[in-house]
Protein backbone atom coordinates (compact mmCIF):
# COMPACT_ATOMS: atom_id res chain seq x y z
CA MET A 1 -23.25 -5.71 -3.90
CA ASN A 2 -20.28 -8.70 -2.82
CA TYR A 3 -17.07 -6.19 -3.64
CA PHE A 4 -15.72 -8.59 -5.78
CA LEU A 5 -18.32 -8.11 -8.41
CA ASP A 6 -18.24 -4.65 -8.04
CA ARG A 7 -16.55 -1.99 -10.36
CA GLU A 8 -13.53 -0.98 -8.20
CA TRP A 9 -12.16 -4.75 -8.07
CA LEU A 10 -12.91 -5.50 -11.47
CA ALA A 11 -10.97 -2.28 -12.99
CA LEU A 12 -8.18 -3.40 -10.68
CA MET A 13 -8.22 -6.75 -12.17
CA GLU A 14 -8.17 -4.97 -15.85
CA GLN A 15 -5.59 -2.27 -14.25
CA THR A 16 -2.73 -4.52 -13.67
CA SER A 17 -3.43 -6.86 -16.67
CA SER A 18 -5.05 -9.83 -14.84
CA ILE A 19 -8.26 -10.13 -17.37
CA SER A 20 -8.51 -8.81 -20.87
CA ARG A 21 -11.06 -5.99 -19.59
CA ALA A 22 -13.54 -5.86 -17.51
CA CYS A 23 -17.21 -6.20 -18.18
CA ARG A 24 -20.37 -4.60 -17.18
CA LEU A 25 -23.71 -6.91 -16.47
CA GLU A 26 -27.44 -6.66 -16.14
CA VAL A 27 -28.02 -9.50 -14.53
CA GLU A 28 -31.96 -9.86 -13.13
CA GLY A 29 -32.06 -6.44 -12.87
CA GLN A 30 -28.21 -6.19 -11.00
CA THR A 31 -25.39 -4.55 -12.30
CA VAL A 32 -22.43 -6.60 -11.90
CA TRP A 33 -18.42 -6.72 -13.31
CA VAL A 34 -17.17 -9.97 -14.29
CA GLY A 35 -13.50 -10.22 -16.27
CA GLU A 36 -13.37 -11.23 -19.70
CA TYR A 37 -10.32 -13.55 -20.84
CA GLN A 38 -9.96 -13.14 -24.68
CA ASN A 39 -7.66 -15.80 -26.71
CA ALA A 40 -7.54 -17.25 -30.10
CA ARG A 41 -10.55 -15.41 -30.90
CA GLN A 42 -12.46 -16.66 -28.23
CA LYS A 43 -13.80 -15.55 -24.68
CA LYS A 44 -14.70 -16.69 -21.32
CA TRP A 45 -16.02 -15.09 -18.23
CA GLN A 46 -13.99 -15.06 -15.31
CA LEU A 47 -16.28 -14.62 -11.63
CA PHE A 48 -14.32 -12.99 -8.49
CA GLY A 49 -17.62 -13.26 -6.40
CA ALA A 50 -20.60 -15.19 -5.56
CA TRP A 51 -23.86 -14.15 -5.80
CA GLU A 52 -25.47 -14.76 -2.53
CA LYS A 53 -29.38 -14.01 -2.88
CA ASP A 54 -31.58 -16.18 -5.36
CA GLY A 55 -27.98 -18.20 -6.49
CA ALA A 56 -29.63 -20.24 -9.13
CA PRO A 57 -31.77 -18.00 -10.93
CA TRP A 58 -29.06 -15.54 -10.98
CA LEU A 59 -26.65 -18.15 -12.42
CA GLU A 60 -29.29 -19.07 -14.73
CA ALA A 61 -29.63 -15.90 -15.92
CA LEU A 62 -25.96 -15.46 -16.32
CA PHE A 63 -25.33 -18.37 -18.43
CA ALA A 64 -28.23 -17.48 -20.90
CA LEU A 65 -26.08 -13.87 -21.05
CA GLY A 66 -23.06 -15.66 -21.67
CA ASP A 67 -24.45 -17.51 -24.55
CA ARG A 68 -26.18 -14.63 -26.08
CA HIS A 69 -23.04 -13.12 -25.85
CA GLY A 70 -20.71 -16.05 -27.49
CA VAL A 71 -18.60 -17.08 -24.58
CA PHE A 72 -17.48 -20.85 -24.63
CA GLN A 73 -17.19 -21.00 -20.49
CA ILE A 74 -18.00 -19.23 -17.34
CA GLU A 75 -15.48 -19.69 -14.53
CA CYS A 76 -14.91 -18.76 -11.00
CA ALA A 77 -11.64 -19.94 -9.18
CA PHE A 78 -11.19 -17.33 -6.99
CA ASN A 79 -10.08 -18.02 -3.47
CA MET A 80 -12.77 -15.00 -2.20
CA ALA A 81 -15.73 -16.33 -4.15
CA ARG A 82 -18.04 -18.09 -1.60
CA TRP A 83 -19.90 -20.56 -3.85
CA THR A 84 -21.09 -22.65 -1.03
CA ASP A 85 -23.69 -24.67 -2.44
CA LYS A 86 -22.13 -27.10 -4.52
CA GLU A 87 -25.22 -29.05 -5.01
CA MET A 88 -26.56 -26.23 -6.99
CA LEU A 89 -24.04 -25.56 -8.92
CA GLU A 90 -23.89 -29.17 -10.13
CA GLY A 91 -27.52 -29.38 -10.73
CA LEU A 92 -27.01 -26.07 -12.95
CA GLY A 93 -24.66 -28.17 -14.90
CA ALA A 94 -21.57 -26.58 -13.58
CA GLU A 95 -18.36 -28.70 -12.94
CA ILE A 96 -16.74 -28.40 -9.70
CA THR A 97 -13.15 -28.06 -10.16
CA GLU A 98 -11.80 -27.86 -6.72
CA GLU A 99 -12.64 -27.64 -3.08
CA PHE A 100 -11.42 -24.87 -0.27
CA GLY A 101 -12.96 -23.05 2.24
CA THR A 102 -12.94 -19.76 5.07
CA TYR A 103 -13.46 -19.40 8.45
CA ALA A 104 -16.31 -16.36 8.90
CA VAL A 105 -16.49 -15.08 12.46
CA ASP A 106 -19.96 -13.62 13.63
CA LEU A 107 -19.00 -9.90 14.23
CA GLY A 108 -22.54 -9.63 15.47
CA LEU A 109 -21.23 -10.73 18.74
CA GLU A 110 -20.54 -8.73 21.94
CA PRO A 111 -16.69 -7.93 21.95
CA GLU A 112 -16.63 -9.89 25.55
CA THR A 113 -17.87 -13.14 23.39
CA LEU A 114 -15.66 -12.69 20.31
CA TRP A 115 -12.76 -12.67 22.97
CA SER A 116 -13.86 -15.71 24.60
CA GLY A 117 -14.14 -17.40 21.44
CA LEU A 118 -10.52 -16.90 20.20
CA HIS A 119 -8.37 -20.32 20.91
CA GLY A 120 -6.54 -19.82 24.60
CA LYS A 121 -2.90 -19.72 22.52
CA HIS A 122 -4.16 -16.99 20.71
CA ARG A 123 -5.44 -14.96 23.85
CA ASN A 124 -2.15 -15.40 25.12
CA MET A 125 -0.05 -14.34 22.11
CA ILE A 126 -2.58 -11.07 21.94
CA GLN A 127 -1.45 -10.31 25.51
CA ARG A 128 2.02 -11.09 24.82
CA ALA A 129 2.19 -8.80 22.10
CA ARG A 130 0.63 -5.93 24.17
CA ARG A 131 2.75 -6.57 26.41
CA GLU A 132 5.67 -5.47 23.68
CA ASN A 133 3.99 -2.33 23.27
CA LEU A 134 3.57 -2.91 19.34
CA ARG A 135 1.68 -0.08 17.75
CA VAL A 136 -1.79 -1.09 15.21
CA PHE A 137 -2.26 1.53 12.86
CA PHE A 138 -4.72 1.67 9.92
CA ASP A 139 -2.51 2.44 6.58
CA VAL A 140 -0.05 0.40 5.34
CA ASP A 141 2.58 1.84 2.85
CA ALA A 142 3.01 -0.16 -0.38
CA GLU A 143 6.65 -1.21 -0.20
CA ALA A 144 6.80 -1.90 3.31
CA LEU A 145 4.19 -4.05 2.65
CA ALA A 146 5.78 -5.79 -0.52
CA ALA A 147 9.41 -6.39 1.22
CA THR A 148 7.30 -8.15 4.30
CA MET A 149 5.38 -10.36 1.68
CA ASP A 150 8.58 -11.15 0.18
CA GLU A 151 9.83 -12.56 3.52
CA THR A 152 6.50 -14.09 4.25
CA TYR A 153 6.78 -16.25 1.11
CA ALA A 154 10.56 -16.87 1.30
CA LYS A 155 9.79 -18.86 4.69
CA GLY A 156 7.83 -20.93 3.08
CA GLY A 157 10.25 -21.59 0.09
CA VAL A 158 8.50 -19.76 -2.58
CA ASP A 159 8.53 -16.14 -3.99
CA ASN A 160 5.99 -13.46 -3.71
CA PRO A 161 3.61 -14.18 -6.66
CA PHE A 162 2.40 -10.93 -6.19
CA SER A 163 3.96 -7.82 -8.15
CA ARG A 164 5.08 -4.62 -6.81
CA SER A 165 2.86 -2.94 -9.33
CA TYR A 166 -0.55 -4.45 -7.86
CA LEU A 167 0.47 -3.96 -4.56
CA ARG A 168 0.57 -0.05 -5.45
CA HIS A 169 -2.46 -0.18 -7.25
CA LEU A 170 -4.29 -2.19 -4.71
CA LEU A 171 -3.03 -0.04 -1.84
CA ALA A 172 -4.42 2.90 -3.59
CA LEU A 173 -8.21 2.08 -3.16
CA ALA A 174 -8.00 2.71 0.86
CA GLY A 175 -10.57 4.25 2.00
CA PRO A 176 -14.46 2.99 2.72
CA LYS A 177 -14.58 -0.46 1.02
CA MET A 178 -10.49 -1.30 1.56
CA LEU A 179 -9.12 -1.32 5.27
CA LEU A 180 -5.51 -1.48 5.67
CA ALA A 181 -4.04 -2.45 8.66
CA GLY A 182 -0.60 -2.72 10.10
CA VAL A 183 1.43 -3.65 13.22
CA SER A 184 4.81 -1.83 13.97
CA SER A 185 7.61 -2.22 16.21
CA ASP A 186 10.81 -0.11 16.52
CA ARG A 187 12.33 -2.48 14.05
CA GLY A 188 9.24 -1.66 11.32
CA LEU A 189 6.59 -3.35 9.97
CA GLU A 190 5.76 -6.75 11.88
CA ALA A 191 2.28 -7.88 10.33
CA ALA A 192 0.17 -6.11 8.03
CA ALA A 193 -3.24 -6.99 5.96
CA VAL A 194 -5.52 -5.79 3.34
CA ILE A 195 -8.89 -6.23 4.10
CA PRO A 196 -11.79 -5.06 1.17
CA MET A 197 -14.86 -5.06 2.52
CA ASP A 198 -18.67 -4.86 1.42
CA THR A 199 -22.07 -3.99 3.40
CA THR A 200 -21.80 -7.76 5.29
CA ARG A 201 -18.02 -8.84 4.91
CA GLY A 202 -14.22 -7.88 5.10
CA TYR A 203 -12.47 -10.20 3.55
CA PHE A 204 -8.78 -10.90 4.61
CA LEU A 205 -7.19 -10.48 0.96
CA HIS A 206 -3.83 -10.47 1.91
CA GLY A 207 -1.18 -10.20 4.73
CA ALA A 208 2.29 -10.40 5.76
CA THR A 209 4.10 -11.19 9.02
CA ARG A 210 7.78 -11.01 9.65
CA PRO A 211 9.19 -14.24 10.02
CA GLU A 212 11.49 -13.67 13.08
CA GLY A 213 9.34 -10.34 14.32
CA THR A 214 7.80 -10.15 17.52
CA PRO A 215 5.84 -13.17 18.44
CA GLY A 216 1.82 -12.31 18.98
CA ALA A 217 1.96 -9.40 16.17
CA ALA A 218 0.03 -11.32 13.35
CA ASN A 219 -2.83 -12.46 16.58
CA LEU A 220 -2.89 -9.18 17.28
CA LEU A 221 -3.23 -7.58 14.33
CA HIS A 222 -6.51 -9.86 13.23
CA TRP A 223 -7.90 -9.24 16.67
CA GLU A 224 -7.63 -5.48 16.32
CA VAL A 225 -9.36 -5.74 12.32
CA MET A 226 -12.25 -7.53 13.75
CA LEU A 227 -12.68 -4.72 16.07
CA ASN A 228 -12.61 -2.21 13.75
CA LEU A 229 -14.95 -4.03 10.93
CA LYS A 230 -17.51 -4.43 14.09
CA GLY A 231 -16.91 -0.74 14.80
CA ARG A 232 -18.00 -0.09 11.18
CA GLY A 233 -20.94 -2.33 10.92
CA VAL A 234 -19.37 -5.28 8.85
CA THR A 235 -20.88 -8.52 10.25
CA THR A 236 -19.20 -11.02 9.40
CA TYR A 237 -15.00 -11.48 8.91
CA ASP A 238 -13.76 -13.40 6.32
CA LEU A 239 -10.67 -15.37 7.42
CA GLY A 240 -9.59 -15.69 3.39
CA GLY A 241 -8.79 -19.37 1.83
CA ALA A 242 -8.52 -22.67 4.02
CA ARG A 243 -7.81 -25.63 3.01
CA ARG A 244 -8.57 -28.71 5.52
CA GLN A 245 -7.04 -31.61 3.47
CA THR A 246 -3.53 -30.45 2.63
CA ASP A 247 0.03 -32.22 2.58
CA ASP A 248 1.49 -28.84 2.70
CA PRO A 249 2.77 -28.20 6.01
CA ARG A 250 2.47 -24.22 5.66
CA LEU A 251 -0.62 -24.69 4.52
CA ALA A 252 -1.46 -26.74 7.33
CA GLY A 253 -0.30 -23.94 9.33
CA ILE A 254 -2.16 -21.27 7.95
CA PHE A 255 -5.70 -23.27 8.65
CA ARG A 256 -4.65 -24.02 11.93
CA PHE A 257 -3.98 -20.09 12.66
CA LYS A 258 -7.52 -19.03 11.11
CA GLU A 259 -9.39 -21.48 12.69
CA ARG A 260 -8.19 -20.44 16.31
CA PHE A 261 -10.31 -16.87 15.74
CA GLY A 262 -13.54 -18.93 16.80
CA GLY A 263 -15.05 -18.71 12.90
CA ARG A 264 -17.15 -21.16 11.64
CA PHE A 265 -15.64 -23.23 8.49
CA GLN A 266 -17.90 -22.93 5.41
CA PRO A 267 -16.69 -24.88 2.43
CA CYS A 268 -16.50 -23.33 -0.96
CA TRP A 269 -15.89 -25.04 -4.70
CA TYR A 270 -14.25 -23.41 -7.83
CA TRP A 271 -16.73 -24.19 -10.99
CA ARG A 272 -16.86 -23.73 -14.40
CA LYS A 273 -19.57 -24.25 -16.97
CA VAL A 274 -19.42 -24.34 -20.42
CA ILE A 275 -21.57 -22.45 -22.57
CA HIS A 276 -20.42 -23.40 -26.17
CA PRO A 277 -18.47 -26.63 -26.49
CA GLY A 278 -17.38 -25.96 -29.86
CA ARG A 279 -16.09 -22.54 -29.18
CA LYS A 280 -14.11 -24.07 -26.09
CA MET A 281 -13.30 -27.11 -28.26
CA LEU A 282 -11.77 -24.15 -31.12
CA HIS A 283 -9.94 -22.38 -28.33
CA ASP A 284 -8.52 -25.03 -26.54
CA LEU A 285 -6.75 -26.12 -30.10
CA MET A 286 -5.57 -23.05 -30.73
CA VAL A 287 -4.09 -22.48 -27.48
CA ARG A 288 -2.10 -25.74 -27.89
CA VAL A 289 -1.08 -24.82 -31.40
CA GLN A 290 0.15 -21.33 -30.02
CA LYS A 291 2.45 -23.59 -27.37
CA THR A 292 3.86 -25.74 -29.66
CA TRP A 293 4.99 -22.54 -31.72
CA SER A 294 6.09 -20.56 -28.98
């Protein structure tokens, strides 16, 4: 089961008020969880993951179920969802709303092959970090992560978009489905990553690197995560959202960093499917009225 269609993730989304409520659905004989958004007496469903096997019949069944439940729209706009078949989505009447992508590293390869697949600069940085005697560990304190994320986002000129409450609840899920990884020096936390897992993929969901920290800490972190996931039998390391076409220097730098771990680029799409046009029109009208009076 895709981690982001499972109960654990949707319960977190409900607990942190990211959705109105978590909904348990039976689609094509499989139990999945989606987020429900409610406003103006109308509702829509939000997917946080992709159904990778037999996607078209599964989506058709989901759309029919949404019709019976009276939802006005079903959508996916989450950067961990791997909807990679644009033609299939459009063939089912979904509107593509944004293109992005990810780098997926094949962990079925031998460690020596994984190492040789890294860009030479990444290998050099990992070796440099090892010479600095950085410590790699698989447990991260929520406050230390949040503080380092504050620094990471501040370097890019933006505020940390993730609340302390969300991060505390997220890190409380550490266990068989949630890997926490960190690299530290005598100065404290240098880099950290939060990696949800399912039977096939480990997803780089959140990360942080001290802006003026030890060079190579983040490179070493991801390399050790790859080895840890491989040891658990996870077959793919998904490096999270990456955008090839961007004018934002920060996003361009993130793209280059992820690209150099030797993974294959997979284009993905955000999309939405209007189920009840009349209900959507009523919802949009009521939202505009609410904004006018707020």
